[in-house]
Amino acid sequence: MHPRLTELLDYLDAQRAHVLGAASGLPPERWVERPDAERWSVSEVCWHLQRVETGVAKLIRKRANEARLQGHPAEDADSSLLGALDGRRLEDRSVRLVAPSQITPTEMPTAEIVQQQLNESREMLRAAVAEADGLALGTIKHPHPVLGEIDLYQWILFVGHHEARHAQQIGEVAKFVAES
């Protein structure tokens, strides 16, 4: 796999570890408890994460396949992309973002089910990235509803930043629920 993709996948794995680490502050049977009616439970946040990741995986697969069919060039750069979304304040929890309806939790799965869903969405994303391997993904763009036009590398990186943001939220929810 291209070094850029390996670096991004390693970053995603680190952020997933943060998500699960934050969730581990709460017994699994309490993942379904909300801190209040207006805030998501740990389970709901994890459900949201897997929905976002599944959507990004589908997007990468689709756009990379289209690019490959059109004879898109191979990747020839190998510089780090970890800073490609710096300054976008994606992890800033003081800025409230409202999720679109298709990724707003509609289910309250158990901790076991939502962890399985997270594993499945990660495998789906890894497979999509593997299929896109070799293409110059920095020149394949697709609009993000908040960030505007970003390239496929940035879409992969977005998943990590998104999980970092929600790892903070999970930590807050777990602390609140544990103390109640």
C-alpha atoms as a PDB file:
ATOM      1  CA  MET A   1       0.000   0.000   0.000  1.00  0.00           C
ATOM      2  CA  HIS A   2       1.161   3.544  -0.767  1.00  0.00           C
ATOM      3  CA  PRO A   3       2.874   5.229   2.230  1.00  0.00           C
ATOM      4  CA  ARG A   4       0.320   8.055   2.267  1.00  0.00           C
ATOM      5  CA  LEU A   5      -2.524   5.595   2.696  1.00  0.00           C
ATOM      6  CA  THR A   6      -0.640   3.604   5.310  1.00  0.00           C
ATOM      7  CA  GLU A   7      -0.049   6.788   7.294  1.00  0.00           C
ATOM      8  CA  LEU A   8      -3.716   7.773   7.092  1.00  0.00           C
ATOM      9  CA  LEU A   9      -4.933   4.305   8.095  1.00  0.00           C
ATOM     10  CA  ASP A  10      -2.545   4.293  11.050  1.00  0.00           C
ATOM     11  CA  TYR A  11      -3.985   7.656  12.089  1.00  0.00           C
ATOM     12  CA  LEU A  12      -7.514   6.254  11.823  1.00  0.00           C
ATOM     13  CA  ASP A  13      -6.551   3.280  13.982  1.00  0.00           C
ATOM     14  CA  ALA A  14      -5.127   5.613  16.628  1.00  0.00           C
ATOM     15  CA  GLN A  15      -8.321   7.665  16.668  1.00  0.00           C
ATOM     16  CA  ARG A  16     -10.466   4.525  16.930  1.00  0.00           C
ATOM     17  CA  ALA A  17      -8.370   3.492  19.933  1.00  0.00           C
ATOM     18  CA  HIS A  18      -9.168   6.883  21.494  1.00  0.00           C
ATOM     19  CA  VAL A  19     -12.896   6.365  20.845  1.00  0.00           C
ATOM     20  CA  LEU A  20     -12.897   2.919  22.427  1.00  0.00           C
ATOM     21  CA  GLY A  21     -10.660   4.102  25.252  1.00  0.00           C
ATOM     22  CA  ALA A  22     -13.067   6.915  26.070  1.00  0.00           C
ATOM     23  CA  ALA A  23     -15.999   4.489  25.933  1.00  0.00           C
ATOM     24  CA  SER A  24     -14.218   2.060  28.246  1.00  0.00           C
ATOM     25  CA  GLY A  25     -14.765   4.581  31.054  1.00  0.00           C
ATOM     26  CA  LEU A  26     -18.326   3.294  31.185  1.00  0.00           C
ATOM     27  CA  PRO A  27     -19.508  -0.305  31.677  1.00  0.00           C
ATOM     28  CA  PRO A  28     -20.907  -1.665  28.374  1.00  0.00           C
ATOM     29  CA  GLU A  29     -24.412  -2.087  29.802  1.00  0.00           C
ATOM     30  CA  ARG A  30     -24.522   1.696  30.411  1.00  0.00           C
ATOM     31  CA  TRP A  31     -23.527   2.709  26.854  1.00  0.00           C
ATOM     32  CA  VAL A  32     -27.233   3.183  26.060  1.00  0.00           C
ATOM     33  CA  GLU A  33     -27.770   5.812  28.769  1.00  0.00           C
ATOM     34  CA  ARG A  34     -28.087   9.413  27.661  1.00  0.00           C
ATOM     35  CA  PRO A  35     -26.777  12.234  29.846  1.00  0.00           C
ATOM     36  CA  ASP A  36     -30.019  14.085  29.020  1.00  0.00           C
ATOM     37  CA  ALA A  37     -32.743  14.050  26.382  1.00  0.00           C
ATOM     38  CA  GLU A  38     -30.814  16.383  24.065  1.00  0.00           C
ATOM     39  CA  ARG A  39     -27.485  14.522  24.112  1.00  0.00           C
ATOM     40  CA  TRP A  40     -26.459  11.228  22.563  1.00  0.00           C
ATOM     41  CA  SER A  41     -25.458   8.137  24.501  1.00  0.00           C
ATOM     42  CA  VAL A  42     -22.096   6.431  23.941  1.00  0.00           C
ATOM     43  CA  SER A  43     -23.941   3.845  21.864  1.00  0.00           C
ATOM     44  CA  GLU A  44     -25.558   6.516  19.698  1.00  0.00           C
ATOM     45  CA  VAL A  45     -22.260   8.321  19.133  1.00  0.00           C
ATOM     46  CA  CYS A  46     -20.651   5.047  18.047  1.00  0.00           C
ATOM     47  CA  TRP A  47     -23.617   4.298  15.776  1.00  0.00           C
ATOM     48  CA  HIS A  48     -23.132   7.742  14.204  1.00  0.00           C
ATOM     49  CA  LEU A  49     -19.406   7.085  13.726  1.00  0.00           C
ATOM     50  CA  GLN A  50     -19.989   3.836  11.879  1.00  0.00           C
ATOM     51  CA  ARG A  51     -22.615   5.456   9.654  1.00  0.00           C
ATOM     52  CA  VAL A  52     -20.222   8.264   8.700  1.00  0.00           C
ATOM     53  CA  GLU A  53     -17.372   5.833   8.076  1.00  0.00           C
ATOM     54  CA  THR A  54     -19.593   3.584   5.945  1.00  0.00           C
ATOM     55  CA  GLY A  55     -20.637   6.586   3.859  1.00  0.00           C
ATOM     56  CA  VAL A  56     -17.031   7.690   3.366  1.00  0.00           C
ATOM     57  CA  ALA A  57     -16.035   4.149   2.370  1.00  0.00           C
ATOM     58  CA  LYS A  58     -18.784   4.091  -0.277  1.00  0.00           C
ATOM     59  CA  LEU A  59     -17.740   7.524  -1.540  1.00  0.00           C
ATOM     60  CA  ILE A  60     -14.063   6.552  -1.838  1.00  0.00           C
ATOM     61  CA  ARG A  61     -14.912   3.290  -3.600  1.00  0.00           C
ATOM     62  CA  LYS A  62     -17.219   5.028  -6.072  1.00  0.00           C
ATOM     63  CA  ARG A  63     -14.986   7.998  -6.883  1.00  0.00           C
ATOM     64  CA  ALA A  64     -11.792   5.901  -7.096  1.00  0.00           C
ATOM     65  CA  ASN A  65     -13.461   3.376  -9.410  1.00  0.00           C
ATOM     66  CA  GLU A  66     -14.702   6.204 -11.650  1.00  0.00           C
ATOM     67  CA  ALA A  67     -11.218   7.727 -11.703  1.00  0.00           C
ATOM     68  CA  ARG A  68      -9.565   4.402 -12.503  1.00  0.00           C
ATOM     69  CA  LEU A  69     -11.975   3.846 -15.420  1.00  0.00           C
ATOM     70  CA  GLN A  70     -11.090   7.311 -16.743  1.00  0.00           C
ATOM     71  CA  GLY A  71      -7.359   6.515 -16.634  1.00  0.00           C
ATOM     72  CA  HIS A  72      -6.593   8.712 -13.634  1.00  0.00           C
ATOM     73  CA  PRO A  73      -2.849   9.075 -12.978  1.00  0.00           C
ATOM     74  CA  ALA A  74      -0.903   7.115 -10.422  1.00  0.00           C
ATOM     75  CA  GLU A  75       0.274   8.699  -7.173  1.00  0.00           C
ATOM     76  CA  ASP A  76       3.846   9.953  -7.386  1.00  0.00           C
ATOM     77  CA  ALA A  77       4.028  12.049  -4.186  1.00  0.00           C
ATOM     78  CA  ASP A  78       4.798  10.640  -0.765  1.00  0.00           C
ATOM     79  CA  SER A  79       4.679  13.631   1.573  1.00  0.00           C
ATOM     80  CA  SER A  80       2.631  13.421   4.763  1.00  0.00           C
ATOM     81  CA  LEU A  81      -1.015  14.399   4.602  1.00  0.00           C
ATOM     82  CA  LEU A  82      -1.772  14.413   8.323  1.00  0.00           C
ATOM     83  CA  GLY A  83      -1.954  18.220   8.323  1.00  0.00           C
ATOM     84  CA  ALA A  84      -4.192  18.438   5.246  1.00  0.00           C
ATOM     85  CA  LEU A  85      -7.229  19.513   7.288  1.00  0.00           C
ATOM     86  CA  ASP A  86      -5.425  21.694   9.826  1.00  0.00           C
ATOM     87  CA  GLY A  87      -7.198  24.916  10.638  1.00  0.00           C
ATOM     88  CA  ARG A  88     -10.641  23.481   9.946  1.00  0.00           C
ATOM     89  CA  ARG A  89     -11.453  23.185  13.680  1.00  0.00           C
ATOM     90  CA  LEU A  90     -12.919  19.724  13.195  1.00  0.00           C
ATOM     91  CA  GLU A  91     -12.073  18.677  16.727  1.00  0.00           C
ATOM     92  CA  ASP A  92     -13.263  21.917  18.337  1.00  0.00           C
ATOM     93  CA  ARG A  93     -16.231  20.905  20.482  1.00  0.00           C
ATOM     94  CA  SER A  94     -17.037  24.538  21.290  1.00  0.00           C
ATOM     95  CA  VAL A  95     -18.438  24.735  17.758  1.00  0.00           C
ATOM     96  CA  ARG A  96     -21.693  22.785  17.729  1.00  0.00           C
ATOM     97  CA  LEU A  97     -22.397  20.847  14.563  1.00  0.00           C
ATOM     98  CA  VAL A  98     -25.732  19.260  13.765  1.00  0.00           C
ATOM     99  CA  ALA A  99     -25.596  15.923  11.970  1.00  0.00           C
ATOM    100  CA  PRO A 100     -27.728  15.462   8.864  1.00  0.00           C
ATOM    101  CA  SER A 101     -30.692  13.135   9.330  1.00  0.00           C
ATOM    102  CA  GLN A 102     -29.087  10.189   7.502  1.00  0.00           C
ATOM    103  CA  ILE A 103     -26.307  10.017  10.110  1.00  0.00           C
ATOM    104  CA  THR A 104     -28.339  11.043  13.157  1.00  0.00           C
ATOM    105  CA  PRO A 105     -28.827   8.034  15.438  1.00  0.00           C
ATOM    106  CA  THR A 106     -32.071   6.187  14.927  1.00  0.00           C
ATOM    107  CA  GLU A 107     -31.010   3.114  16.863  1.00  0.00           C
ATOM    108  CA  MET A 108     -29.730   2.390  20.347  1.00  0.00           C
ATOM    109  CA  PRO A 109     -27.655  -0.750  19.814  1.00  0.00           C
ATOM    110  CA  THR A 110     -25.930  -2.529  22.653  1.00  0.00           C
ATOM    111  CA  ALA A 111     -22.213  -1.980  23.211  1.00  0.00           C
ATOM    112  CA  GLU A 112     -21.500  -5.362  21.639  1.00  0.00           C
ATOM    113  CA  ILE A 113     -23.511  -4.629  18.497  1.00  0.00           C
ATOM    114  CA  VAL A 114     -22.153  -1.125  18.006  1.00  0.00           C
ATOM    115  CA  GLN A 115     -18.564  -2.356  18.416  1.00  0.00           C
ATOM    116  CA  GLN A 116     -19.243  -4.968  15.731  1.00  0.00           C
ATOM    117  CA  GLN A 117     -20.699  -2.228  13.506  1.00  0.00           C
ATOM    118  CA  LEU A 118     -17.573  -0.117  14.075  1.00  0.00           C
ATOM    119  CA  ASN A 119     -15.379  -3.079  13.117  1.00  0.00           C
ATOM    120  CA  GLU A 120     -17.427  -3.668   9.969  1.00  0.00           C
ATOM    121  CA  SER A 121     -17.338  -0.020   8.894  1.00  0.00           C
ATOM    122  CA  ARG A 122     -13.568   0.079   9.429  1.00  0.00           C
ATOM    123  CA  GLU A 123     -13.092  -3.034   7.313  1.00  0.00           C
ATOM    124  CA  MET A 124     -15.284  -1.499   4.629  1.00  0.00           C
ATOM    125  CA  LEU A 125     -13.184   1.670   4.638  1.00  0.00           C
ATOM    126  CA  ARG A 126      -9.932  -0.311   4.565  1.00  0.00           C
ATOM    127  CA  ALA A 127     -11.209  -2.287   1.562  1.00  0.00           C
ATOM    128  CA  ALA A 128     -12.197   0.920  -0.268  1.00  0.00           C
ATOM    129  CA  VAL A 129      -8.793   2.462   0.453  1.00  0.00           C
ATOM    130  CA  ALA A 130      -7.063  -0.703  -0.784  1.00  0.00           C
ATOM    131  CA  GLU A 131      -9.064  -0.500  -4.019  1.00  0.00           C
ATOM    132  CA  ALA A 132      -8.038   3.152  -4.432  1.00  0.00           C
ATOM    133  CA  ASP A 133      -4.367   2.387  -3.738  1.00  0.00           C
ATOM    134  CA  GLY A 134      -2.062   3.678  -6.428  1.00  0.00           C
ATOM    135  CA  LEU A 135      -4.262   6.515  -7.646  1.00  0.00           C
ATOM    136  CA  ALA A 136      -3.384  10.184  -7.132  1.00  0.00           C
ATOM    137  CA  LEU A 137      -6.228  10.688  -4.655  1.00  0.00           C
ATOM    138  CA  GLY A 138      -5.274  14.295  -4.002  1.00  0.00           C
ATOM    139  CA  THR A 139      -6.691  15.247  -7.380  1.00  0.00           C
ATOM    140  CA  ILE A 140     -10.021  13.439  -6.963  1.00  0.00           C
ATOM    141  CA  LYS A 141     -12.381  15.825  -5.212  1.00  0.00           C
ATOM    142  CA  HIS A 142     -15.845  15.573  -3.756  1.00  0.00           C
ATOM    143  CA  PRO A 143     -17.797  18.169  -1.737  1.00  0.00           C
ATOM    144  CA  HIS A 144     -18.223  17.756   2.005  1.00  0.00           C
ATOM    145  CA  PRO A 145     -21.330  19.400   3.508  1.00  0.00           C
ATOM    146  CA  VAL A 146     -19.294  21.484   5.978  1.00  0.00           C
ATOM    147  CA  LEU A 147     -15.754  21.541   4.581  1.00  0.00           C
ATOM    148  CA  GLY A 148     -16.604  22.184   0.948  1.00  0.00           C
ATOM    149  CA  GLU A 149     -14.595  20.579  -1.849  1.00  0.00           C
ATOM    150  CA  ILE A 150     -11.998  18.175  -0.415  1.00  0.00           C
ATOM    151  CA  ASP A 151      -9.943  15.411  -2.010  1.00  0.00           C
ATOM    152  CA  LEU A 152     -10.156  11.703  -1.245  1.00  0.00           C
ATOM    153  CA  TYR A 153      -7.090  11.789   1.011  1.00  0.00           C
ATOM    154  CA  GLN A 154      -8.829  14.492   3.024  1.00  0.00           C
ATOM    155  CA  TRP A 155     -11.988  12.386   3.166  1.00  0.00           C
ATOM    156  CA  ILE A 156      -9.986   9.560   4.745  1.00  0.00           C
ATOM    157  CA  LEU A 157      -8.330  12.013   7.136  1.00  0.00           C
ATOM    158  CA  PHE A 158     -11.745  13.497   7.942  1.00  0.00           C
ATOM    159  CA  VAL A 159     -12.856  10.134   9.379  1.00  0.00           C
ATOM    160  CA  GLY A 160      -9.980  10.330  11.877  1.00  0.00           C
ATOM    161  CA  HIS A 161     -10.667  13.932  12.853  1.00  0.00           C
ATOM    162  CA  HIS A 162     -14.356  13.139  13.152  1.00  0.00           C
ATOM    163  CA  GLU A 163     -13.588  10.257  15.500  1.00  0.00           C
ATOM    164  CA  ALA A 164     -11.208  12.449  17.524  1.00  0.00           C
ATOM    165  CA  ARG A 165     -14.013  14.987  17.984  1.00  0.00           C
ATOM    166  CA  HIS A 166     -16.451  12.301  19.078  1.00  0.00           C
ATOM    167  CA  ALA A 167     -13.904  10.593  21.346  1.00  0.00           C
ATOM    168  CA  GLN A 168     -14.037  13.809  23.378  1.00  0.00           C
ATOM    169  CA  GLN A 169     -17.825  13.677  23.373  1.00  0.00           C
ATOM    170  CA  ILE A 170     -17.828  10.015  24.436  1.00  0.00           C
ATOM    171  CA  GLY A 171     -15.477  10.873  27.286  1.00  0.00           C
ATOM    172  CA  GLU A 172     -17.832  13.638  28.432  1.00  0.00           C
ATOM    173  CA  VAL A 173     -20.902  11.394  28.192  1.00  0.00           C
ATOM    174  CA  ALA A 174     -19.184   8.477  29.929  1.00  0.00           C
ATOM    175  CA  LYS A 175     -18.061  10.721  32.787  1.00  0.00           C
ATOM    176  CA  PHE A 176     -21.513  12.246  33.206  1.00  0.00           C
ATOM    177  CA  VAL A 177     -23.316   8.892  33.100  1.00  0.00           C
ATOM    178  CA  ALA A 178     -20.804   7.253  35.453  1.00  0.00           C
ATOM    179  CA  GLU A 179     -21.288  10.049  37.986  1.00  0.00           C
ATOM    180  CA  SER A 180     -25.078   9.906  37.855  1.00  0.00           C
END
